[in-house]
Amino acid sequence: MANNNLSLLSLLEKEKLNGINFLDWFRNLRIVLKQERKEYVIEEPVPDESAANAPRADKDKFKKHLDDMLDVSCLMLATMSPELQKQHEDMNAYNMIQNLKEINEGQARQERSWATSKHWKNWGFALKDELATDVILQSLPDSLKPFVLNFNMNEINKTSPQLLGMLRIAESDLKKNGSKSIQMVRVLE
């Protein structure tokens, strides 16, 4: 990455990817890569290597993609927590992003649900907290079904932001415990 872009790089260095801030980190990564004109390496897989008799332009394009992929992969790893670095150190930038998107799909879905209920309020159609909670709970991935069941069985009454906080804790617990189910919903006061 060019030296004159250190201020943009500081966006990524300010807050490393830690497993729960993917959306913010990814947004900042895209800003940096767009400015560097290397965003394509997280959007396109590595092309097949050019044949020995391929035109020079094709060979140069392939080499540029590999060089840019290496730069971006190193940047991404440098802006991750040590745990995430270990999980992704053998992947190229495109595969890292695909894996991180898959891991963080649940977080994105939750935040979209919460944002949707917030937008309804901004448009003058306030969703009651109960309906907003139902919308959020219905959008959760299967891995959080035990959370939903527990939440409903205990008749927990929380606002959308409180529910989002509980979901972040539940997801964090789920990641720490692997595929073990969530045994208890922690109620935030």
N, C-alpha and C. Protein backbone atom coordinates (compact mmCIF):
# COMPACT_ATOMS: atom_id res chain seq x y z
N MET A 1 0.84 -1.17 0.00
CA MET A 1 0.00 0.00 0.00
C MET A 1 0.90 1.24 0.00
N ALA A 2 0.48 2.24 -0.70
CA ALA A 2 1.29 3.44 -0.85
C ALA A 2 1.40 4.21 0.46
N ASN A 3 2.54 4.87 0.68
CA ASN A 3 2.78 5.61 1.92
C ASN A 3 1.83 6.78 2.10
N ASN A 4 1.38 7.40 1.02
CA ASN A 4 0.51 8.57 1.15
C ASN A 4 -0.90 8.19 1.58
N ASN A 5 -1.18 6.94 1.78
CA ASN A 5 -2.52 6.50 2.15
C ASN A 5 -2.60 6.05 3.61
N LEU A 6 -1.61 6.46 4.41
CA LEU A 6 -1.58 6.02 5.79
C LEU A 6 -2.81 6.47 6.57
N SER A 7 -3.36 7.63 6.24
CA SER A 7 -4.54 8.09 6.97
C SER A 7 -5.73 7.17 6.73
N LEU A 8 -5.88 6.67 5.51
CA LEU A 8 -6.96 5.72 5.25
C LEU A 8 -6.69 4.39 5.93
N LEU A 9 -5.45 3.96 5.93
CA LEU A 9 -5.11 2.70 6.58
C LEU A 9 -5.38 2.76 8.08
N SER A 10 -5.29 3.95 8.65
CA SER A 10 -5.54 4.08 10.08
C SER A 10 -6.99 3.72 10.42
N LEU A 11 -7.89 3.81 9.43
CA LEU A 11 -9.28 3.37 9.65
C LEU A 11 -9.31 1.91 10.09
N LEU A 12 -8.51 1.09 9.42
CA LEU A 12 -8.48 -0.34 9.73
C LEU A 12 -7.67 -0.64 10.98
N GLU A 13 -6.62 0.12 11.18
CA GLU A 13 -5.76 -0.14 12.33
C GLU A 13 -6.40 0.32 13.63
N LYS A 14 -7.33 1.26 13.54
CA LYS A 14 -7.99 1.81 14.72
C LYS A 14 -8.75 0.74 15.48
N GLU A 15 -9.45 -0.09 14.77
CA GLU A 15 -10.24 -1.13 15.41
C GLU A 15 -10.09 -2.42 14.62
N LYS A 16 -9.31 -3.33 15.17
CA LYS A 16 -9.07 -4.60 14.48
C LYS A 16 -10.33 -5.45 14.47
N LEU A 17 -10.44 -6.28 13.45
CA LEU A 17 -11.55 -7.22 13.37
C LEU A 17 -11.44 -8.20 14.53
N ASN A 18 -12.51 -8.30 15.32
CA ASN A 18 -12.46 -9.13 16.51
C ASN A 18 -13.55 -10.19 16.56
N GLY A 19 -14.35 -10.28 15.52
CA GLY A 19 -15.40 -11.29 15.48
C GLY A 19 -16.79 -10.72 15.64
N ILE A 20 -16.90 -9.55 16.27
CA ILE A 20 -18.24 -8.97 16.43
C ILE A 20 -18.38 -7.62 15.73
N ASN A 21 -17.33 -7.14 15.11
CA ASN A 21 -17.39 -5.85 14.43
C ASN A 21 -17.15 -5.99 12.92
N PHE A 22 -17.55 -7.11 12.36
CA PHE A 22 -17.26 -7.39 10.95
C PHE A 22 -17.80 -6.31 10.01
N LEU A 23 -19.04 -5.91 10.20
CA LEU A 23 -19.65 -4.96 9.26
C LEU A 23 -18.89 -3.64 9.21
N ASP A 24 -18.50 -3.12 10.36
CA ASP A 24 -17.73 -1.87 10.38
C ASP A 24 -16.35 -2.07 9.76
N TRP A 25 -15.70 -3.17 10.16
CA TRP A 25 -14.36 -3.46 9.62
C TRP A 25 -14.41 -3.63 8.10
N PHE A 26 -15.41 -4.37 7.61
CA PHE A 26 -15.52 -4.63 6.18
C PHE A 26 -15.79 -3.33 5.40
N ARG A 27 -16.63 -2.47 5.96
CA ARG A 27 -16.91 -1.18 5.32
C ARG A 27 -15.62 -0.38 5.19
N ASN A 28 -14.81 -0.33 6.26
CA ASN A 28 -13.54 0.39 6.23
C ASN A 28 -12.55 -0.26 5.27
N LEU A 29 -12.51 -1.58 5.24
CA LEU A 29 -11.63 -2.28 4.30
C LEU A 29 -11.97 -1.90 2.87
N ARG A 30 -13.26 -1.88 2.54
CA ARG A 30 -13.67 -1.53 1.18
C ARG A 30 -13.27 -0.10 0.83
N ILE A 31 -13.35 0.81 1.80
CA ILE A 31 -12.94 2.20 1.55
C ILE A 31 -11.46 2.25 1.20
N VAL A 32 -10.64 1.58 1.99
CA VAL A 32 -9.20 1.57 1.75
C VAL A 32 -8.88 0.92 0.41
N LEU A 33 -9.50 -0.22 0.13
CA LEU A 33 -9.21 -0.93 -1.12
C LEU A 33 -9.70 -0.17 -2.34
N LYS A 34 -10.82 0.50 -2.20
CA LYS A 34 -11.33 1.30 -3.33
C LYS A 34 -10.33 2.40 -3.67
N GLN A 35 -9.80 3.07 -2.64
CA GLN A 35 -8.82 4.14 -2.87
C GLN A 35 -7.55 3.57 -3.49
N GLU A 36 -7.17 2.37 -3.12
CA GLU A 36 -5.98 1.71 -3.66
C GLU A 36 -6.23 1.04 -5.01
N ARG A 37 -7.49 1.01 -5.42
CA ARG A 37 -7.90 0.34 -6.65
C ARG A 37 -7.58 -1.16 -6.61
N LYS A 38 -7.83 -1.75 -5.44
CA LYS A 38 -7.58 -3.19 -5.25
C LYS A 38 -8.81 -3.89 -4.72
N GLU A 39 -9.95 -3.25 -4.76
CA GLU A 39 -11.18 -3.83 -4.23
C GLU A 39 -11.56 -5.12 -4.98
N TYR A 40 -11.16 -5.20 -6.23
CA TYR A 40 -11.53 -6.36 -7.05
C TYR A 40 -11.02 -7.69 -6.48
N VAL A 41 -9.93 -7.66 -5.70
CA VAL A 41 -9.38 -8.93 -5.21
C VAL A 41 -10.24 -9.58 -4.15
N ILE A 42 -11.12 -8.81 -3.50
CA ILE A 42 -12.04 -9.43 -2.53
C ILE A 42 -13.37 -9.77 -3.19
N GLU A 43 -13.55 -9.35 -4.43
CA GLU A 43 -14.80 -9.60 -5.15
C GLU A 43 -14.67 -10.70 -6.20
N GLU A 44 -13.44 -10.99 -6.61
CA GLU A 44 -13.21 -11.97 -7.68
C GLU A 44 -12.20 -13.02 -7.21
N PRO A 45 -12.47 -14.29 -7.44
CA PRO A 45 -11.46 -15.30 -7.08
C PRO A 45 -10.23 -15.16 -7.98
N VAL A 46 -9.14 -15.75 -7.54
CA VAL A 46 -7.92 -15.70 -8.35
C VAL A 46 -8.20 -16.38 -9.68
N PRO A 47 -7.90 -15.70 -10.79
CA PRO A 47 -8.14 -16.33 -12.10
C PRO A 47 -7.18 -17.49 -12.33
N ASP A 48 -7.54 -18.33 -13.27
CA ASP A 48 -6.64 -19.43 -13.65
C ASP A 48 -5.36 -18.85 -14.23
N GLU A 49 -4.28 -19.54 -13.97
CA GLU A 49 -2.98 -19.07 -14.47
C GLU A 49 -2.99 -19.08 -15.99
N SER A 50 -2.36 -18.06 -16.54
CA SER A 50 -2.28 -17.95 -18.00
C SER A 50 -1.41 -19.06 -18.57
N ALA A 51 -1.80 -19.52 -19.73
CA ALA A 51 -1.01 -20.54 -20.42
C ALA A 51 0.34 -19.95 -20.84
N ALA A 52 1.30 -20.81 -21.02
CA ALA A 52 2.65 -20.36 -21.40
C ALA A 52 2.64 -19.55 -22.69
N ASN A 53 1.72 -19.88 -23.59
CA ASN A 53 1.68 -19.15 -24.87
C ASN A 53 0.62 -18.03 -24.87
N ALA A 54 0.12 -17.67 -23.70
CA ALA A 54 -0.88 -16.60 -23.60
C ALA A 54 -0.24 -15.25 -23.91
N PRO A 55 -1.04 -14.30 -24.36
CA PRO A 55 -0.50 -12.96 -24.63
C PRO A 55 0.10 -12.34 -23.37
N ARG A 56 1.06 -11.50 -23.58
CA ARG A 56 1.77 -10.83 -22.47
C ARG A 56 0.79 -10.08 -21.57
N ALA A 57 -0.22 -9.47 -22.13
CA ALA A 57 -1.20 -8.71 -21.34
C ALA A 57 -1.94 -9.61 -20.35
N ASP A 58 -2.27 -10.83 -20.79
CA ASP A 58 -2.95 -11.78 -19.90
C ASP A 58 -2.03 -12.20 -18.76
N LYS A 59 -0.77 -12.45 -19.08
CA LYS A 59 0.19 -12.84 -18.05
C LYS A 59 0.39 -11.71 -17.04
N ASP A 60 0.47 -10.48 -17.55
CA ASP A 60 0.64 -9.32 -16.67
C ASP A 60 -0.58 -9.11 -15.77
N LYS A 61 -1.75 -9.32 -16.34
CA LYS A 61 -2.99 -9.19 -15.56
C LYS A 61 -3.03 -10.22 -14.44
N PHE A 62 -2.65 -11.45 -14.74
CA PHE A 62 -2.62 -12.52 -13.75
C PHE A 62 -1.62 -12.19 -12.64
N LYS A 63 -0.42 -11.74 -13.02
CA LYS A 63 0.61 -11.39 -12.04
C LYS A 63 0.15 -10.23 -11.17
N LYS A 64 -0.48 -9.23 -11.76
CA LYS A 64 -0.97 -8.09 -10.99
C LYS A 64 -2.02 -8.54 -9.98
N HIS A 65 -2.90 -9.44 -10.40
CA HIS A 65 -3.93 -9.94 -9.49
C HIS A 65 -3.27 -10.66 -8.30
N LEU A 66 -2.27 -11.49 -8.56
CA LEU A 66 -1.58 -12.20 -7.48
C LEU A 66 -0.87 -11.23 -6.54
N ASP A 67 -0.20 -10.22 -7.12
CA ASP A 67 0.51 -9.23 -6.30
C ASP A 67 -0.47 -8.43 -5.44
N ASP A 68 -1.57 -7.98 -6.04
CA ASP A 68 -2.58 -7.23 -5.29
C ASP A 68 -3.24 -8.12 -4.23
N MET A 69 -3.47 -9.38 -4.56
CA MET A 69 -4.06 -10.32 -3.62
C MET A 69 -3.15 -10.48 -2.39
N LEU A 70 -1.86 -10.58 -2.62
CA LEU A 70 -0.91 -10.71 -1.52
C LEU A 70 -0.94 -9.46 -0.63
N ASP A 71 -0.91 -8.28 -1.26
CA ASP A 71 -0.97 -7.02 -0.50
C ASP A 71 -2.23 -6.96 0.36
N VAL A 72 -3.36 -7.28 -0.22
CA VAL A 72 -4.64 -7.18 0.48
C VAL A 72 -4.74 -8.26 1.57
N SER A 73 -4.27 -9.46 1.27
CA SER A 73 -4.29 -10.52 2.27
C SER A 73 -3.49 -10.13 3.50
N CYS A 74 -2.31 -9.58 3.29
CA CYS A 74 -1.47 -9.15 4.42
C CYS A 74 -2.12 -8.01 5.20
N LEU A 75 -2.72 -7.07 4.49
CA LEU A 75 -3.43 -5.97 5.14
C LEU A 75 -4.57 -6.50 6.00
N MET A 76 -5.34 -7.41 5.44
CA MET A 76 -6.46 -7.98 6.17
C MET A 76 -5.98 -8.71 7.43
N LEU A 77 -4.97 -9.53 7.29
CA LEU A 77 -4.46 -10.29 8.44
C LEU A 77 -3.92 -9.35 9.52
N ALA A 78 -3.25 -8.28 9.09
CA ALA A 78 -2.68 -7.34 10.04
C ALA A 78 -3.75 -6.59 10.83
N THR A 79 -4.96 -6.55 10.31
CA THR A 79 -6.03 -5.81 10.99
C THR A 79 -7.06 -6.74 11.62
N MET A 80 -6.63 -7.97 11.95
CA MET A 80 -7.48 -8.94 12.62
C MET A 80 -6.90 -9.27 13.99
N SER A 81 -7.77 -9.75 14.86
CA SER A 81 -7.30 -10.23 16.17
C SER A 81 -6.42 -11.46 15.92
N PRO A 82 -5.54 -11.76 16.87
CA PRO A 82 -4.66 -12.93 16.68
C PRO A 82 -5.43 -14.23 16.43
N GLU A 83 -6.56 -14.40 17.08
CA GLU A 83 -7.36 -15.62 16.88
C GLU A 83 -7.84 -15.73 15.43
N LEU A 84 -8.35 -14.62 14.89
CA LEU A 84 -8.81 -14.63 13.50
C LEU A 84 -7.64 -14.77 12.52
N GLN A 85 -6.50 -14.19 12.86
CA GLN A 85 -5.31 -14.36 12.01
C GLN A 85 -4.97 -15.83 11.85
N LYS A 86 -4.98 -16.55 12.96
CA LYS A 86 -4.64 -17.98 12.91
C LYS A 86 -5.62 -18.76 12.04
N GLN A 87 -6.90 -18.38 12.10
CA GLN A 87 -7.92 -19.07 11.32
C GLN A 87 -7.79 -18.79 9.82
N HIS A 88 -7.23 -17.64 9.45
CA HIS A 88 -7.25 -17.21 8.06
C HIS A 88 -5.87 -17.08 7.41
N GLU A 89 -4.80 -17.38 8.13
CA GLU A 89 -3.46 -17.12 7.62
C GLU A 89 -3.11 -17.89 6.34
N ASP A 90 -3.78 -19.00 6.08
CA ASP A 90 -3.48 -19.78 4.88
C ASP A 90 -4.44 -19.51 3.74
N MET A 91 -5.26 -18.47 3.86
CA MET A 91 -6.25 -18.14 2.82
C MET A 91 -5.82 -16.89 2.06
N ASN A 92 -6.28 -16.79 0.83
CA ASN A 92 -6.07 -15.54 0.10
C ASN A 92 -7.21 -14.58 0.46
N ALA A 93 -7.10 -13.33 0.04
CA ALA A 93 -8.04 -12.28 0.43
C ALA A 93 -9.48 -12.64 0.06
N TYR A 94 -9.69 -13.14 -1.15
CA TYR A 94 -11.05 -13.49 -1.60
C TYR A 94 -11.66 -14.56 -0.70
N ASN A 95 -10.90 -15.61 -0.41
CA ASN A 95 -11.41 -16.70 0.43
C ASN A 95 -11.62 -16.24 1.87
N MET A 96 -10.75 -15.34 2.36
CA MET A 96 -10.95 -14.79 3.71
C MET A 96 -12.29 -14.08 3.81
N ILE A 97 -12.57 -13.22 2.83
CA ILE A 97 -13.82 -12.46 2.85
C ILE A 97 -15.01 -13.40 2.76
N GLN A 98 -14.95 -14.39 1.89
CA GLN A 98 -16.06 -15.33 1.77
C GLN A 98 -16.31 -16.03 3.11
N ASN A 99 -15.24 -16.46 3.76
CA ASN A 99 -15.36 -17.14 5.05
C ASN A 99 -15.90 -16.20 6.12
N LEU A 100 -15.39 -14.98 6.17
CA LEU A 100 -15.85 -14.01 7.17
C LEU A 100 -17.31 -13.62 6.95
N LYS A 101 -17.72 -13.50 5.70
CA LYS A 101 -19.13 -13.19 5.42
C LYS A 101 -20.03 -14.31 5.92
N GLU A 102 -19.62 -15.54 5.68
CA GLU A 102 -20.41 -16.69 6.13
C GLU A 102 -20.51 -16.71 7.65
N ILE A 103 -19.38 -16.50 8.32
CA ILE A 103 -19.36 -16.50 9.78
C ILE A 103 -20.25 -15.39 10.34
N ASN A 104 -20.24 -14.25 9.69
CA ASN A 104 -20.92 -13.08 10.23
C ASN A 104 -22.30 -12.83 9.63
N GLU A 105 -22.81 -13.79 8.88
CA GLU A 105 -24.12 -13.63 8.26
C GLU A 105 -25.21 -13.38 9.31
N GLY A 106 -25.14 -14.08 10.41
CA GLY A 106 -26.14 -13.92 11.47
C GLY A 106 -26.12 -12.52 12.05
N GLN A 107 -24.93 -11.98 12.29
CA GLN A 107 -24.80 -10.62 12.83
C GLN A 107 -25.41 -9.62 11.87
N ALA A 108 -25.12 -9.77 10.59
CA ALA A 108 -25.66 -8.84 9.60
C ALA A 108 -27.18 -8.91 9.55
N ARG A 109 -27.72 -10.12 9.62
CA ARG A 109 -29.17 -10.30 9.57
C ARG A 109 -29.83 -9.63 10.78
N GLN A 110 -29.23 -9.78 11.95
CA GLN A 110 -29.78 -9.15 13.15
C GLN A 110 -29.77 -7.64 13.03
N GLU A 111 -28.64 -7.09 12.56
CA GLU A 111 -28.55 -5.64 12.47
C GLU A 111 -29.50 -5.09 11.41
N ARG A 112 -29.72 -5.84 10.33
CA ARG A 112 -30.69 -5.40 9.32
C ARG A 112 -32.09 -5.39 9.91
N SER A 113 -32.43 -6.40 10.71
CA SER A 113 -33.76 -6.47 11.32
C SER A 113 -33.98 -5.30 12.25
N TRP A 114 -32.97 -5.02 13.06
CA TRP A 114 -33.08 -3.91 13.99
C TRP A 114 -33.18 -2.59 13.23
N ALA A 115 -32.37 -2.44 12.18
CA ALA A 115 -32.41 -1.22 11.37
C ALA A 115 -33.76 -1.07 10.68
N THR A 116 -34.36 -2.18 10.23
CA THR A 116 -35.67 -2.13 9.59
C THR A 116 -36.72 -1.58 10.55
N SER A 117 -36.72 -2.07 11.78
CA SER A 117 -37.70 -1.57 12.75
C SER A 117 -37.45 -0.11 13.05
N LYS A 118 -36.18 0.31 13.05
CA LYS A 118 -35.83 1.71 13.29
C LYS A 118 -36.31 2.58 12.13
N HIS A 119 -36.16 2.11 10.87
CA HIS A 119 -36.61 2.87 9.70
C HIS A 119 -38.13 3.05 9.72
N TRP A 120 -38.85 2.02 10.14
CA TRP A 120 -40.30 2.15 10.22
C TRP A 120 -40.66 3.30 11.14
N LYS A 121 -39.94 3.42 12.26
CA LYS A 121 -40.20 4.52 13.19
C LYS A 121 -39.89 5.86 12.53
N ASN A 122 -38.80 5.92 11.77
CA ASN A 122 -38.43 7.17 11.09
C ASN A 122 -39.46 7.58 10.06
N TRP A 123 -40.15 6.62 9.48
CA TRP A 123 -41.17 6.91 8.47
C TRP A 123 -42.53 7.22 9.10
N GLY A 124 -42.59 7.20 10.42
CA GLY A 124 -43.84 7.51 11.09
C GLY A 124 -44.72 6.30 11.34
N PHE A 125 -44.22 5.11 11.09
CA PHE A 125 -44.97 3.87 11.33
C PHE A 125 -44.27 3.11 12.45
N ALA A 126 -44.40 3.60 13.66
CA ALA A 126 -43.68 2.99 14.78
C ALA A 126 -44.15 1.55 14.99
N LEU A 127 -43.20 0.65 14.92
CA LEU A 127 -43.50 -0.75 15.25
C LEU A 127 -43.47 -0.86 16.76
N LYS A 128 -44.45 -1.51 17.31
CA LYS A 128 -44.41 -1.75 18.74
C LYS A 128 -43.23 -2.67 19.01
N ASP A 129 -42.65 -2.50 20.21
CA ASP A 129 -41.47 -3.31 20.56
C ASP A 129 -41.73 -4.80 20.37
N GLU A 130 -42.94 -5.23 20.70
CA GLU A 130 -43.27 -6.65 20.58
C GLU A 130 -43.18 -7.11 19.12
N LEU A 131 -43.70 -6.33 18.19
CA LEU A 131 -43.65 -6.68 16.78
C LEU A 131 -42.21 -6.61 16.27
N ALA A 132 -41.48 -5.56 16.67
CA ALA A 132 -40.09 -5.43 16.26
C ALA A 132 -39.28 -6.63 16.75
N THR A 133 -39.53 -7.06 17.99
CA THR A 133 -38.85 -8.23 18.55
C THR A 133 -39.17 -9.47 17.73
N ASP A 134 -40.45 -9.63 17.37
CA ASP A 134 -40.84 -10.79 16.56
C ASP A 134 -40.13 -10.78 15.21
N VAL A 135 -40.03 -9.61 14.58
CA VAL A 135 -39.35 -9.50 13.28
C VAL A 135 -37.89 -9.91 13.42
N ILE A 136 -37.25 -9.43 14.47
CA ILE A 136 -35.84 -9.76 14.68
C ILE A 136 -35.67 -11.25 14.94
N LEU A 137 -36.49 -11.80 15.83
CA LEU A 137 -36.36 -13.22 16.18
C LEU A 137 -36.63 -14.13 14.98
N GLN A 138 -37.56 -13.73 14.11
CA GLN A 138 -37.87 -14.54 12.93
C GLN A 138 -36.74 -14.54 11.91
N SER A 139 -35.88 -13.51 11.96
CA SER A 139 -34.82 -13.40 10.96
C SER A 139 -33.54 -14.13 11.35
N LEU A 140 -33.50 -14.70 12.55
CA LEU A 140 -32.27 -15.32 13.04
C LEU A 140 -31.98 -16.65 12.35
N PRO A 141 -30.69 -16.98 12.24
CA PRO A 141 -30.31 -18.27 11.63
C PRO A 141 -30.66 -19.43 12.57
N ASP A 142 -30.65 -20.63 12.01
CA ASP A 142 -30.99 -21.84 12.77
C ASP A 142 -30.10 -22.03 13.99
N SER A 143 -28.86 -21.59 13.91
CA SER A 143 -27.94 -21.78 15.03
C SER A 143 -28.42 -21.07 16.30
N LEU A 144 -29.31 -20.08 16.14
CA LEU A 144 -29.81 -19.35 17.31
C LEU A 144 -31.23 -19.75 17.69
N LYS A 145 -31.73 -20.85 17.14
CA LYS A 145 -33.07 -21.33 17.50
C LYS A 145 -33.20 -21.59 19.00
N PRO A 146 -32.17 -22.17 19.67
CA PRO A 146 -32.29 -22.35 21.12
C PRO A 146 -32.48 -21.01 21.86
N PHE A 147 -31.80 -19.98 21.38
CA PHE A 147 -31.96 -18.65 21.98
C PHE A 147 -33.41 -18.19 21.85
N VAL A 148 -33.97 -18.32 20.64
CA VAL A 148 -35.35 -17.88 20.39
C VAL A 148 -36.31 -18.66 21.28
N LEU A 149 -36.13 -19.95 21.35
CA LEU A 149 -37.00 -20.79 22.17
C LEU A 149 -36.94 -20.36 23.64
N ASN A 150 -35.73 -20.19 24.13
CA ASN A 150 -35.52 -19.77 25.51
C ASN A 150 -36.11 -18.38 25.77
N PHE A 151 -35.89 -17.48 24.83
CA PHE A 151 -36.41 -16.11 24.94
C PHE A 151 -37.93 -16.13 25.05
N ASN A 152 -38.57 -16.90 24.18
CA ASN A 152 -40.03 -16.96 24.18
C ASN A 152 -40.58 -17.69 25.41
N MET A 153 -39.93 -18.78 25.81
CA MET A 153 -40.42 -19.55 26.95
C MET A 153 -40.33 -18.75 28.25
N ASN A 154 -39.31 -17.91 28.37
CA ASN A 154 -39.14 -17.11 29.57
C ASN A 154 -39.89 -15.78 29.50
N GLU A 155 -40.62 -15.57 28.40
CA GLU A 155 -41.42 -14.36 28.20
C GLU A 155 -40.63 -13.09 28.53
N ILE A 156 -39.44 -13.03 27.99
CA ILE A 156 -38.56 -11.89 28.23
C ILE A 156 -39.07 -10.71 27.41
N ASN A 157 -39.15 -9.56 28.05
CA ASN A 157 -39.67 -8.36 27.40
C ASN A 157 -38.55 -7.34 27.31
N LYS A 158 -38.00 -7.15 26.12
CA LYS A 158 -36.88 -6.24 25.91
C LYS A 158 -37.14 -5.36 24.70
N THR A 159 -36.50 -4.19 24.68
CA THR A 159 -36.56 -3.32 23.51
C THR A 159 -35.66 -3.91 22.43
N SER A 160 -35.78 -3.42 21.22
CA SER A 160 -34.94 -3.92 20.12
C SER A 160 -33.45 -3.76 20.41
N PRO A 161 -32.97 -2.61 20.89
CA PRO A 161 -31.54 -2.49 21.19
C PRO A 161 -31.08 -3.46 22.28
N GLN A 162 -31.94 -3.68 23.30
CA GLN A 162 -31.58 -4.63 24.35
C GLN A 162 -31.52 -6.05 23.78
N LEU A 163 -32.46 -6.38 22.92
CA LEU A 163 -32.47 -7.70 22.28
C LEU A 163 -31.21 -7.89 21.45
N LEU A 164 -30.82 -6.86 20.71
CA LEU A 164 -29.61 -6.94 19.89
C LEU A 164 -28.39 -7.21 20.76
N GLY A 165 -28.33 -6.55 21.93
CA GLY A 165 -27.23 -6.80 22.87
C GLY A 165 -27.22 -8.23 23.35
N MET A 166 -28.40 -8.76 23.66
CA MET A 166 -28.50 -10.15 24.10
C MET A 166 -28.06 -11.10 23.00
N LEU A 167 -28.43 -10.79 21.76
CA LEU A 167 -28.06 -11.65 20.64
C LEU A 167 -26.55 -11.65 20.42
N ARG A 168 -25.92 -10.51 20.59
CA ARG A 168 -24.46 -10.44 20.45
C ARG A 168 -23.79 -11.33 21.49
N ILE A 169 -24.29 -11.28 22.71
CA ILE A 169 -23.74 -12.13 23.77
C ILE A 169 -23.96 -13.60 23.43
N ALA A 170 -25.18 -13.93 22.98
CA ALA A 170 -25.50 -15.32 22.64
C ALA A 170 -24.62 -15.82 21.50
N GLU A 171 -24.41 -14.98 20.48
CA GLU A 171 -23.54 -15.37 19.37
C GLU A 171 -22.11 -15.58 19.84
N SER A 172 -21.65 -14.68 20.69
CA SER A 172 -20.30 -14.81 21.22
C SER A 172 -20.16 -16.11 22.01
N ASP A 173 -21.15 -16.42 22.84
CA ASP A 173 -21.15 -17.68 23.60
C ASP A 173 -21.17 -18.88 22.66
N LEU A 174 -21.96 -18.79 21.60
CA LEU A 174 -22.07 -19.88 20.65
C LEU A 174 -20.73 -20.12 19.96
N LYS A 175 -20.03 -19.05 19.60
CA LYS A 175 -18.73 -19.18 18.95
C LYS A 175 -17.70 -19.78 19.90
N LYS A 176 -17.75 -19.36 21.17
CA LYS A 176 -16.81 -19.89 22.16
C LYS A 176 -17.06 -21.37 22.43
N ASN A 177 -18.33 -21.75 22.46
CA ASN A 177 -18.69 -23.12 22.81
C ASN A 177 -18.83 -24.03 21.60
N GLY A 178 -18.49 -23.55 20.43
CA GLY A 178 -18.62 -24.35 19.22
C GLY A 178 -20.07 -24.59 18.89
N SER A 179 -20.43 -25.82 18.61
CA SER A 179 -21.79 -26.13 18.17
C SER A 179 -22.71 -26.46 19.35
N LYS A 180 -22.23 -26.33 20.58
CA LYS A 180 -23.08 -26.58 21.73
C LYS A 180 -24.21 -25.56 21.74
N SER A 181 -25.37 -25.98 22.17
CA SER A 181 -26.50 -25.07 22.17
C SER A 181 -26.40 -24.07 23.31
N ILE A 182 -27.12 -22.99 23.15
CA ILE A 182 -27.16 -21.96 24.17
C ILE A 182 -28.11 -22.45 25.25
N GLN A 183 -27.62 -22.60 26.46
CA GLN A 183 -28.42 -23.16 27.54
C GLN A 183 -29.32 -22.12 28.21
N MET A 184 -28.85 -20.90 28.33
CA MET A 184 -29.60 -19.91 29.07
C MET A 184 -29.43 -18.55 28.44
N VAL A 185 -30.50 -17.81 28.36
CA VAL A 185 -30.44 -16.44 27.86
C VAL A 185 -30.07 -15.57 29.04
N ARG A 186 -29.03 -14.77 28.87
CA ARG A 186 -28.65 -13.84 29.92
C ARG A 186 -29.51 -12.59 29.74
N VAL A 187 -30.21 -12.25 30.78
CA VAL A 187 -31.08 -11.08 30.73
C VAL A 187 -30.28 -9.85 31.11
N LEU A 188 -30.27 -8.86 30.21
CA LEU A 188 -29.57 -7.62 30.46
C LEU A 188 -30.47 -6.68 31.24
N GLU A 189 -29.95 -6.09 32.26
CA GLU A 189 -30.74 -5.15 33.07
C GLU A 189 -30.54 -3.76 32.56
